[in-house]
C-alpha atoms as a PDB file:
ATOM      1  CA  MET A   1     126.234  16.033 124.818  1.00  0.00           C
ATOM      2  CA  SER A   2     127.065  18.568 127.498  1.00  0.00           C
ATOM      3  CA  ARG A   3     124.964  21.319 128.638  1.00  0.00           C
ATOM      4  CA  VAL A   4     125.250  24.672 130.426  1.00  0.00           C
ATOM      5  CA  ILE A   5     122.094  26.310 131.921  1.00  0.00           C
ATOM      6  CA  VAL A   6     122.034  29.982 133.327  1.00  0.00           C
ATOM      7  CA  PHE A   7     118.817  29.899 135.086  1.00  0.00           C
ATOM      8  CA  ASP A   8     116.279  32.811 135.291  1.00  0.00           C
ATOM      9  CA  VAL A   9     116.104  33.568 138.851  1.00  0.00           C
ATOM     10  CA  GLU A  10     115.535  37.271 138.709  1.00  0.00           C
ATOM     11  CA  HIS A  11     117.903  39.024 140.924  1.00  0.00           C
ATOM     12  CA  GLY A  12     120.191  36.122 141.830  1.00  0.00           C
ATOM     13  CA  PHE A  13     122.266  33.396 140.302  1.00  0.00           C
ATOM     14  CA  CYS A  14     122.174  29.630 139.609  1.00  0.00           C
ATOM     15  CA  ALA A  15     123.949  27.889 136.787  1.00  0.00           C
ATOM     16  CA  PHE A  16     123.982  24.078 136.023  1.00  0.00           C
ATOM     17  CA  VAL A  17     126.670  22.343 133.957  1.00  0.00           C
ATOM     18  CA  LYS A  18     126.496  18.649 132.650  1.00  0.00           C
ATOM     19  CA  SER A  19     129.853  17.273 131.652  1.00  0.00           C
ATOM     20  CA  PRO A  20     130.665  14.959 128.760  1.00  0.00           C
ATOM     21  CA  THR A  21     130.933  12.056 131.138  1.00  0.00           C
ATOM     22  CA  GLY A  22     127.515  12.864 132.712  1.00  0.00           C
ATOM     23  CA  GLN A  23     128.874  14.514 135.938  1.00  0.00           C
ATOM     24  CA  THR A  24     126.855  17.470 137.148  1.00  0.00           C
ATOM     25  CA  LEU A  25     127.931  20.681 138.707  1.00  0.00           C
ATOM     26  CA  MET A  26     125.751  23.605 140.026  1.00  0.00           C
ATOM     27  CA  ILE A  27     127.126  27.054 140.592  1.00  0.00           C
ATOM     28  CA  ASP A  28     125.330  28.792 143.276  1.00  0.00           C
ATOM     29  CA  CYS A  29     121.663  28.206 144.127  1.00  0.00           C
ATOM     30  CA  GLY A  30     119.598  31.217 143.699  1.00  0.00           C
ATOM     31  CA  ARG A  31     115.849  30.846 142.998  1.00  0.00           C
ATOM     32  CA  LYS A  32     112.705  32.771 142.195  1.00  0.00           C
ATOM     33  CA  GLU A  33     109.532  32.907 144.401  1.00  0.00           C
ATOM     34  CA  GLN A  34     107.792  30.067 142.343  1.00  0.00           C
ATOM     35  CA  PHE A  35     110.705  28.521 140.402  1.00  0.00           C
ATOM     36  CA  SER A  36     113.365  26.317 142.130  1.00  0.00           C
ATOM     37  CA  PRO A  37     116.379  25.299 139.864  1.00  0.00           C
ATOM     38  CA  VAL A  38     117.041  22.489 142.184  1.00  0.00           C
ATOM     39  CA  VAL A  39     113.563  20.952 141.373  1.00  0.00           C
ATOM     40  CA  TYR A  40     114.072  21.633 137.708  1.00  0.00           C
ATOM     41  CA  VAL A  41     117.364  19.898 137.743  1.00  0.00           C
ATOM     42  CA  ILE A  42     116.181  16.824 139.682  1.00  0.00           C
ATOM     43  CA  ASP A  43     113.144  16.606 137.216  1.00  0.00           C
ATOM     44  CA  ASN A  44     114.922  17.097 134.016  1.00  0.00           C
ATOM     45  CA  GLU A  45     118.687  16.761 134.196  1.00  0.00           C
ATOM     46  CA  LEU A  46     119.777  14.139 136.635  1.00  0.00           C
ATOM     47  CA  ASN A  47     118.019  10.905 135.725  1.00  0.00           C
ATOM     48  CA  GLY A  48     117.939   9.857 139.165  1.00  0.00           C
ATOM     49  CA  ALA A  49     121.712  10.507 139.811  1.00  0.00           C
ATOM     50  CA  ARG A  50     123.199  12.507 142.588  1.00  0.00           C
ATOM     51  CA  LEU A  51     124.497  16.124 141.925  1.00  0.00           C
ATOM     52  CA  THR A  52     128.247  15.680 141.808  1.00  0.00           C
ATOM     53  CA  GLN A  53     129.429  19.155 142.997  1.00  0.00           C
ATOM     54  CA  LEU A  54     128.052  22.435 144.171  1.00  0.00           C
ATOM     55  CA  ILE A  55     130.218  25.513 144.190  1.00  0.00           C
ATOM     56  CA  VAL A  56     129.034  28.370 146.256  1.00  0.00           C
ATOM     57  CA  THR A  57     130.828  31.476 144.935  1.00  0.00           C
ATOM     58  CA  HIS A  58     130.088  33.599 148.024  1.00  0.00           C
ATOM     59  CA  PRO A  59     127.271  33.553 150.642  1.00  0.00           C
ATOM     60  CA  HIS A  60     125.209  36.651 149.564  1.00  0.00           C
ATOM     61  CA  ASP A  61     121.562  35.606 149.894  1.00  0.00           C
ATOM     62  CA  ASP A  62     120.656  35.874 146.209  1.00  0.00           C
ATOM     63  CA  HIS A  63     123.172  33.116 145.474  1.00  0.00           C
ATOM     64  CA  ILE A  64     122.092  30.730 148.261  1.00  0.00           C
ATOM     65  CA  GLU A  65     118.405  31.326 148.357  1.00  0.00           C
ATOM     66  CA  ASP A  66     117.449  27.681 147.335  1.00  0.00           C
ATOM     67  CA  ILE A  67     119.798  26.131 149.892  1.00  0.00           C
ATOM     68  CA  GLN A  68     116.868  24.649 151.892  1.00  0.00           C
ATOM     69  CA  TYR A  69     116.084  22.504 148.770  1.00  0.00           C
ATOM     70  CA  VAL A  70     119.771  21.722 148.181  1.00  0.00           C
ATOM     71  CA  THR A  71     120.148  20.329 151.601  1.00  0.00           C
ATOM     72  CA  SER A  72     116.845  18.372 151.631  1.00  0.00           C
ATOM     73  CA  LYS A  73     116.479  17.220 147.844  1.00  0.00           C
ATOM     74  CA  LEU A  74     119.925  17.599 146.298  1.00  0.00           C
ATOM     75  CA  PRO A  75     122.920  17.270 148.600  1.00  0.00           C
ATOM     76  CA  PRO A  76     126.099  17.218 146.437  1.00  0.00           C
ATOM     77  CA  LEU A  77     128.889  14.704 146.600  1.00  0.00           C
ATOM     78  CA  ILE A  78     131.272  17.542 146.796  1.00  0.00           C
ATOM     79  CA  LEU A  79     130.907  21.057 148.129  1.00  0.00           C
ATOM     80  CA  GLN A  80     133.434  23.834 147.200  1.00  0.00           C
ATOM     81  CA  ARG A  81     133.129  27.150 149.032  1.00  0.00           C
ATOM     82  CA  GLN A  82     135.210  29.683 150.922  1.00  0.00           C
ATOM     83  CA  VAL A  83     134.971  29.449 154.795  1.00  0.00           C
ATOM     84  CA  TYR A  84     134.231  32.848 156.322  1.00  0.00           C
ATOM     85  CA  ASP A  85     134.009  34.351 159.774  1.00  0.00           C
ATOM     86  CA  TRP A  86     130.347  34.215 159.709  1.00  0.00           C
ATOM     87  CA  GLU A  87     129.777  37.209 162.087  1.00  0.00           C
ATOM     88  CA  GLU A  88     131.861  39.347 159.728  1.00  0.00           C
ATOM     89  CA  VAL A  89     129.661  38.320 157.061  1.00  0.00           C
ATOM     90  CA  ARG A  90     126.455  39.261 158.806  1.00  0.00           C
ATOM     91  CA  GLU A  91     127.967  42.638 159.680  1.00  0.00           C
ATOM     92  CA  THR A  92     128.311  43.686 155.934  1.00  0.00           C
ATOM     93  CA  GLU A  93     124.412  43.371 155.358  1.00  0.00           C
ATOM     94  CA  SER A  94     121.074  42.597 157.163  1.00  0.00           C
ATOM     95  CA  ASP A  95     119.589  40.730 154.244  1.00  0.00           C
ATOM     96  CA  TYR A  96     120.716  37.084 155.084  1.00  0.00           C
ATOM     97  CA  GLU A  97     117.593  35.004 155.481  1.00  0.00           C
ATOM     98  CA  ASN A  98     119.602  31.797 154.519  1.00  0.00           C
ATOM     99  CA  LEU A  99     122.975  32.332 156.068  1.00  0.00           C
ATOM    100  CA  ASP A 100     122.533  30.338 159.285  1.00  0.00           C
ATOM    101  CA  HIS A 101     121.153  27.173 157.429  1.00  0.00           C
ATOM    102  CA  TYR A 102     123.975  27.490 154.832  1.00  0.00           C
ATOM    103  CA  SER A 103     126.764  28.113 157.258  1.00  0.00           C
ATOM    104  CA  GLY A 104     125.723  25.338 159.532  1.00  0.00           C
ATOM    105  CA  TRP A 105     125.243  22.796 156.696  1.00  0.00           C
ATOM    106  CA  GLN A 106     128.482  23.610 154.848  1.00  0.00           C
ATOM    107  CA  ALA A 107     130.580  22.773 157.891  1.00  0.00           C
ATOM    108  CA  LYS A 108     129.553  19.168 157.356  1.00  0.00           C
ATOM    109  CA  TYR A 109     131.675  18.935 154.373  1.00  0.00           C
ATOM    110  CA  SER A 110     135.165  18.413 155.845  1.00  0.00           C
ATOM    111  CA  ALA A 111     136.486  15.196 154.253  1.00  0.00           C
ATOM    112  CA  PRO A 112     138.814  15.551 151.178  1.00  0.00           C
ATOM    113  CA  ALA A 113     136.839  15.693 147.880  1.00  0.00           C
ATOM    114  CA  PRO A 114     136.821  12.330 145.959  1.00  0.00           C
ATOM    115  CA  ALA A 115     138.294  12.032 142.535  1.00  0.00           C
ATOM    116  CA  VAL A 116     135.755  12.529 139.684  1.00  0.00           C
ATOM    117  CA  ASP A 117     136.079  11.892 135.958  1.00  0.00           C
ATOM    118  CA  TRP A 118     134.630  15.122 134.704  1.00  0.00           C
ATOM    119  CA  GLY A 119     135.685  14.740 131.069  1.00  0.00           C
ATOM    120  CA  MET A 120     136.217  18.550 131.145  1.00  0.00           C
ATOM    121  CA  ASP A 121     138.338  21.035 132.932  1.00  0.00           C
ATOM    122  CA  ILE A 122     137.290  23.116 135.947  1.00  0.00           C
ATOM    123  CA  LYS A 123     139.372  25.658 137.431  1.00  0.00           C
ATOM    124  CA  VAL A 124     138.389  28.016 140.444  1.00  0.00           C
ATOM    125  CA  PHE A 125     140.093  31.211 141.415  1.00  0.00           C
ATOM    126  CA  TYR A 126     139.373  33.575 144.190  1.00  0.00           C
ATOM    127  CA  LEU A 127     140.692  36.272 146.692  1.00  0.00           C
ATOM    128  CA  THR A 128     140.655  35.094 150.230  1.00  0.00           C
ATOM    129  CA  PRO A 129     138.357  37.111 152.625  1.00  0.00           C
ATOM    130  CA  ALA A 130     141.431  38.766 154.272  1.00  0.00           C
ATOM    131  CA  VAL A 131     142.880  39.915 150.805  1.00  0.00           C
ATOM    132  CA  ALA A 132     139.392  41.037 149.691  1.00  0.00           C
ATOM    133  CA  GLN A 133     138.911  42.999 152.936  1.00  0.00           C
ATOM    134  CA  ALA A 134     142.262  44.683 152.583  1.00  0.00           C
ATOM    135  CA  LEU A 135     141.436  45.522 148.938  1.00  0.00           C
ATOM    136  CA  ASN A 136     137.979  47.008 149.595  1.00  0.00           C
ATOM    137  CA  GLN A 137     136.264  46.928 152.925  1.00  0.00           C
ATOM    138  CA  ASP A 138     132.815  47.938 151.424  1.00  0.00           C
ATOM    139  CA  ASN A 139     132.678  45.193 148.790  1.00  0.00           C
ATOM    140  CA  TRP A 140     134.803  42.413 150.251  1.00  0.00           C
ATOM    141  CA  VAL A 141     132.142  39.730 150.085  1.00  0.00           C
ATOM    142  CA  ASN A 142     131.630  40.105 146.444  1.00  0.00           C
ATOM    143  CA  ASN A 143     135.390  40.508 145.866  1.00  0.00           C
ATOM    144  CA  SER A 144     135.829  37.079 147.682  1.00  0.00           C
ATOM    145  CA  GLY A 145     133.589  35.453 145.126  1.00  0.00           C
ATOM    146  CA  MET A 146     134.948  32.253 143.348  1.00  0.00           C
ATOM    147  CA  VAL A 147     135.456  32.740 139.639  1.00  0.00           C
ATOM    148  CA  VAL A 148     134.948  29.491 137.876  1.00  0.00           C
ATOM    149  CA  VAL A 149     136.333  28.497 134.512  1.00  0.00           C
ATOM    150  CA  VAL A 150     134.806  25.484 132.698  1.00  0.00           C
ATOM    151  CA  THR A 151     136.404  24.178 129.406  1.00  0.00           C
ATOM    152  CA  ILE A 152     134.511  21.534 127.475  1.00  0.00           C
ATOM    153  CA  THR A 153     136.669  19.967 124.850  1.00  0.00           C
ATOM    154  CA  GLY A 154     135.021  17.934 121.931  1.00  0.00           C
ATOM    155  CA  THR A 155     136.796  16.034 119.170  1.00  0.00           C
ATOM    156  CA  LYS A 156     137.122  19.233 116.967  1.00  0.00           C
ATOM    157  CA  PHE A 157     136.406  22.264 119.115  1.00  0.00           C
ATOM    158  CA  SER A 158     136.562  23.405 122.668  1.00  0.00           C
ATOM    159  CA  GLU A 159     134.162  25.765 124.522  1.00  0.00           C
ATOM    160  CA  LYS A 160     135.304  27.994 127.524  1.00  0.00           C
ATOM    161  CA  PHE A 161     132.881  29.350 129.976  1.00  0.00           C
ATOM    162  CA  VAL A 162     134.053  31.942 132.547  1.00  0.00           C
ATOM    163  CA  PHE A 163     131.515  32.450 135.559  1.00  0.00           C
ATOM    164  CA  GLY A 164     132.276  35.731 137.169  1.00  0.00           C
ATOM    165  CA  ALA A 165     130.632  35.469 140.363  1.00  0.00           C
ATOM    166  CA  ASP A 166     129.815  38.977 141.966  1.00  0.00           C
ATOM    167  CA  VAL A 167     133.469  40.068 141.733  1.00  0.00           C
ATOM    168  CA  GLU A 168     133.944  43.910 141.448  1.00  0.00           C
ATOM    169  CA  THR A 169     136.090  45.810 139.085  1.00  0.00           C
ATOM    170  CA  ASP A 170     138.957  46.130 141.443  1.00  0.00           C
ATOM    171  CA  GLY A 171     138.603  42.456 142.414  1.00  0.00           C
ATOM    172  CA  PHE A 172     139.463  41.566 138.993  1.00  0.00           C
ATOM    173  CA  THR A 173     142.445  43.938 138.771  1.00  0.00           C
ATOM    174  CA  GLU A 174     143.809  41.999 141.803  1.00  0.00           C
ATOM    175  CA  LEU A 175     143.027  38.557 140.426  1.00  0.00           C
ATOM    176  CA  LEU A 176     144.623  39.341 137.048  1.00  0.00           C
ATOM    177  CA  LYS A 177     147.967  39.709 138.936  1.00  0.00           C
ATOM    178  CA  ASN A 178     147.775  35.882 139.113  1.00  0.00           C
ATOM    179  CA  LYS A 179     149.282  34.570 135.841  1.00  0.00           C
ATOM    180  CA  ASP A 180     147.480  31.337 136.200  1.00  0.00           C
ATOM    181  CA  PHE A 181     144.169  33.172 136.356  1.00  0.00           C
ATOM    182  CA  LYS A 182     145.106  35.304 133.377  1.00  0.00           C
ATOM    183  CA  ALA A 183     146.020  32.168 131.421  1.00  0.00           C
ATOM    184  CA  ALA A 184     142.831  30.382 132.401  1.00  0.00           C
ATOM    185  CA  VAL A 185     140.445  32.884 131.188  1.00  0.00           C
ATOM    186  CA  ALA A 186     142.307  33.641 127.937  1.00  0.00           C
ATOM    187  CA  GLY A 187     140.149  32.622 124.865  1.00  0.00           C
ATOM    188  CA  ALA A 188     136.757  32.627 126.576  1.00  0.00           C
ATOM    189  CA  ASP A 189     133.875  31.717 124.564  1.00  0.00           C
ATOM    190  CA  PHE A 190     131.084  32.665 127.045  1.00  0.00           C
ATOM    191  CA  TYR A 191     131.326  35.234 129.658  1.00  0.00           C
ATOM    192  CA  ILE A 192     128.714  34.856 132.566  1.00  0.00           C
ATOM    193  CA  ALA A 193     128.928  38.514 133.624  1.00  0.00           C
ATOM    194  CA  SER A 194     129.936  39.353 137.218  1.00  0.00           C
ATOM    195  CA  HIS A 195     127.412  40.944 139.457  1.00  0.00           C
ATOM    196  CA  HIS A 196     124.430  40.470 137.419  1.00  0.00           C
ATOM    197  CA  GLY A 197     126.019  42.688 134.734  1.00  0.00           C
ATOM    198  CA  HIS A 198     126.235  45.618 136.878  1.00  0.00           C
ATOM    199  CA  SER A 199     128.781  48.330 135.869  1.00  0.00           C
ATOM    200  CA  SER A 200     130.442  47.686 139.318  1.00  0.00           C
ATOM    201  CA  GLY A 201     131.715  44.508 138.081  1.00  0.00           C
ATOM    202  CA  PHE A 202     132.602  45.461 134.421  1.00  0.00           C
ATOM    203  CA  SER A 203     136.308  45.157 133.844  1.00  0.00           C
ATOM    204  CA  THR A 204     138.104  46.134 130.616  1.00  0.00           C
ATOM    205  CA  GLU A 205     141.189  44.379 132.012  1.00  0.00           C
ATOM    206  CA  LEU A 206     139.399  41.249 132.128  1.00  0.00           C
ATOM    207  CA  TYR A 207     138.346  41.505 128.598  1.00  0.00           C
ATOM    208  CA  ASP A 208     141.873  42.250 127.595  1.00  0.00           C
ATOM    209  CA  ALA A 209     142.799  38.913 129.275  1.00  0.00           C
ATOM    210  CA  MET A 210     139.782  36.928 127.891  1.00  0.00           C
ATOM    211  CA  GLY A 211     139.460  38.409 124.415  1.00  0.00           C
ATOM    212  CA  LYS A 212     136.061  38.701 122.813  1.00  0.00           C
ATOM    213  CA  PRO A 213     133.668  35.904 123.840  1.00  0.00           C
ATOM    214  CA  PHE A 214     130.986  34.804 121.568  1.00  0.00           C
ATOM    215  CA  LEU A 215     128.425  36.021 124.079  1.00  0.00           C
ATOM    216  CA  ASN A 216     128.073  37.820 127.377  1.00  0.00           C
ATOM    217  CA  LEU A 217     125.312  36.071 129.606  1.00  0.00           C
ATOM    218  CA  ILE A 218     123.692  38.129 132.250  1.00  0.00           C
ATOM    219  CA  SER A 219     121.490  37.121 135.276  1.00  0.00           C
ATOM    220  CA  ALA A 220     119.366  40.146 136.059  1.00  0.00           C
ATOM    221  CA  THR A 221     115.961  41.086 137.240  1.00  0.00           C
ATOM    222  CA  SER A 222     113.430  42.969 135.205  1.00  0.00           C
ATOM    223  CA  GLY A 223     113.828  46.699 135.486  1.00  0.00           C
ATOM    224  CA  ASP A 224     117.339  46.444 136.642  1.00  0.00           C
ATOM    225  CA  GLU A 225     118.924  49.840 135.762  1.00  0.00           C
ATOM    226  CA  HIS A 226     122.477  48.996 136.725  1.00  0.00           C
ATOM    227  CA  VAL A 227     123.366  46.526 133.822  1.00  0.00           C
ATOM    228  CA  ASP A 228     126.201  47.954 131.837  1.00  0.00           C
ATOM    229  CA  SER A 229     125.350  48.541 128.176  1.00  0.00           C
ATOM    230  CA  CYS A 230     129.036  47.513 127.191  1.00  0.00           C
ATOM    231  CA  TYR A 231     128.074  43.844 127.574  1.00  0.00           C
ATOM    232  CA  GLY A 232     125.625  44.161 124.612  1.00  0.00           C
ATOM    233  CA  SER A 233     128.164  45.820 122.465  1.00  0.00           C
ATOM    234  CA  GLU A 234     130.178  44.243 119.536  1.00  0.00           C
ATOM    235  CA  ASP A 235     133.201  45.881 121.194  1.00  0.00           C
ATOM    236  CA  TYR A 236     133.063  43.160 123.876  1.00  0.00           C
ATOM    237  CA  ALA A 237     131.608  40.148 122.142  1.00  0.00           C
ATOM    238  CA  ARG A 238     131.886  38.490 118.748  1.00  0.00           C
ATOM    239  CA  GLY A 239     128.066  37.726 118.684  1.00  0.00           C
ATOM    240  CA  VAL A 240     125.870  34.891 117.763  1.00  0.00           C
ATOM    241  CA  GLU A 241     122.916  34.798 115.269  1.00  0.00           C
ATOM    242  CA  ILE A 242     119.855  33.923 117.362  1.00  0.00           C
ATOM    243  CA  ASP A 243     116.340  33.888 115.782  1.00  0.00           C
ATOM    244  CA  GLY A 244     117.755  35.832 112.832  1.00  0.00           C
ATOM    245  CA  GLU A 245     119.214  38.622 114.929  1.00  0.00           C
ATOM    246  CA  ARG A 246     122.896  39.157 115.755  1.00  0.00           C
ATOM    247  CA  ARG A 247     123.135  39.056 119.592  1.00  0.00           C
ATOM    248  CA  TYR A 248     126.216  40.046 121.756  1.00  0.00           C
ATOM    249  CA  SER A 249     124.443  39.429 125.037  1.00  0.00           C
ATOM    250  CA  LEU A 250     121.651  37.461 126.391  1.00  0.00           C
ATOM    251  CA  THR A 251     119.866  38.357 129.592  1.00  0.00           C
ATOM    252  CA  THR A 252     117.601  36.201 131.869  1.00  0.00           C
ATOM    253  CA  ARG A 253     115.418  39.266 132.379  1.00  0.00           C
ATOM    254  CA  THR A 254     114.371  39.407 128.696  1.00  0.00           C
ATOM    255  CA  ASP A 255     115.369  35.989 127.308  1.00  0.00           C
ATOM    256  CA  GLY A 256     114.463  33.596 130.029  1.00  0.00           C
ATOM    257  CA  SER A 257     116.774  30.745 131.100  1.00  0.00           C
ATOM    258  CA  ILE A 258     119.719  30.459 128.671  1.00  0.00           C
ATOM    259  CA  PHE A 259     120.772  26.861 127.546  1.00  0.00           C
ATOM    260  CA  ILE A 260     124.014  26.233 125.753  1.00  0.00           C
ATOM    261  CA  ASP A 261     124.438  22.559 124.470  1.00  0.00           C
ATOM    262  CA  VAL A 262     127.731  21.423 123.259  1.00  0.00           C
ATOM    263  CA  ASN A 263     127.892  18.266 121.190  1.00  0.00           C
ATOM    264  CA  ASP A 264     130.655  15.634 120.984  1.00  0.00           C
ATOM    265  CA  GLU A 265     132.514  17.549 118.410  1.00  0.00           C
ATOM    266  CA  GLY A 266     132.601  20.645 120.793  1.00  0.00           C
ATOM    267  CA  LYS A 267     130.281  22.705 118.766  1.00  0.00           C
ATOM    268  CA  PHE A 268     127.713  24.668 120.819  1.00  0.00           C
ATOM    269  CA  SER A 269     124.070  25.707 120.163  1.00  0.00           C
ATOM    270  CA  VAL A 270     122.423  28.498 122.070  1.00  0.00           C
ATOM    271  CA  TYR A 271     118.637  28.836 122.841  1.00  0.00           C
ATOM    272  CA  CYS A 272     116.416  30.454 125.405  1.00  0.00           C
ATOM    273  CA  VAL A 273     113.468  29.015 127.336  1.00  0.00           C
ATOM    274  CA  SER A 274     110.901  30.510 129.634  1.00  0.00           C
ATOM    275  CA  LEU A 275     110.678  27.779 132.073  1.00  0.00           C
ATOM    276  CA  ASP A 276     107.328  27.133 133.853  1.00  0.00           C
ATOM    277  CA  ASP A 277     106.960  27.826 137.500  1.00  0.00           C
ATOM    278  CA  ASN A 278     107.539  24.610 139.546  1.00  0.00           C
ATOM    279  CA  GLU A 279     106.742  25.765 143.107  1.00  0.00           C
ATOM    280  CA  GLU A 280     103.135  26.754 144.252  1.00  0.00           C
ATOM    281  CA  GLU A 281     102.517  30.043 145.839  1.00  0.00           C
ATOM    282  CA  ASP A 282     102.208  30.045 149.640  1.00  0.00           C
ATOM    283  CA  ALA A 283      98.696  30.727 150.804  1.00  0.00           C
ATOM    284  CA  LEU A 284      99.482  34.176 152.201  1.00  0.00           C
ATOM    285  CA  THR A 285     101.018  35.412 148.902  1.00  0.00           C
ATOM    286  CA  ALA A 286      98.163  34.195 146.919  1.00  0.00           C
ATOM    287  CA  ALA A 287      95.583  35.738 149.258  1.00  0.00           C
ATOM    288  CA  VAL A 288      97.349  39.117 148.973  1.00  0.00           C
ATOM    289  CA  LYS A 289      97.601  38.876 145.223  1.00  0.00           C
ATOM    290  CA  ALA A 290      93.824  37.994 145.055  1.00  0.00           C
ATOM    291  CA  PHE A 291      92.876  40.859 147.437  1.00  0.00           C
ATOM    292  CA  LEU A 292      94.831  43.434 145.464  1.00  0.00           C
ATOM    293  CA  ALA A 293      93.356  42.090 142.058  1.00  0.00           C
ATOM    294  CA  GLY A 294      89.874  42.646 143.371  1.00  0.00           C
ATOM    295  CA  ARG A 295      90.563  46.185 144.340  1.00  0.00           C
ATOM    296  CA  ARG A 296      91.533  47.040 140.755  1.00  0.00           C
END
């Protein structure tokens, strides 16, 4: 059985894929304050094995927030990422708590990637930082994000997952000029929406290329007002019956972590789980919460 998990990490992103041959892929490494996907994967999915590959779609902090645990507890065999002028990245925003650690660590992966029997197809497409800057100077880091297409093929069916990173609408317009990208996303069954489902990443051109997926999956925080309502519309998804309701989108902010299991035939099942916290609060945070609770 194969498995895809989109973790609830509030405003951030982390997904995990287990292939038919047991190889494992993590796409980005966001986290919540008291929940680490790295710890969850080690405890529940790896059975003592090493993480095969990590893809860092782009180095915004909400996509690399768990990087300290990746480097100390779960270093991957293979790292796939873009290489940036790190000072240029820092100039785009000030909120980069983990960038120094990440940029230094990623430089250690310089050898050619070893061959891996995935038993599934993985394709990665992206605009280089230079192309993304020429396209849109304000959102170039988002538009340089790596779009990952994973296809799991069983004996009867196949399921295609498109992970949109944080690519903006104009970034998809540029990517769709690439006939290989257009062909790769065609027939998508699950679309993991770009930029946390925000309208800034919604692309009708992308849907024209993909067709209607079964579901749109959105990693967003509670109260996020920027999630585009189109993702929950039957105009942009075929829909799946979940708990007696026809759903066209699932969001981590209301549904928890999203699991999609794919059996040997290639048939999928979808379910959502509110995973327990697996990290203790630091003493200062706990003290502040206790103080505020006592004032109520």
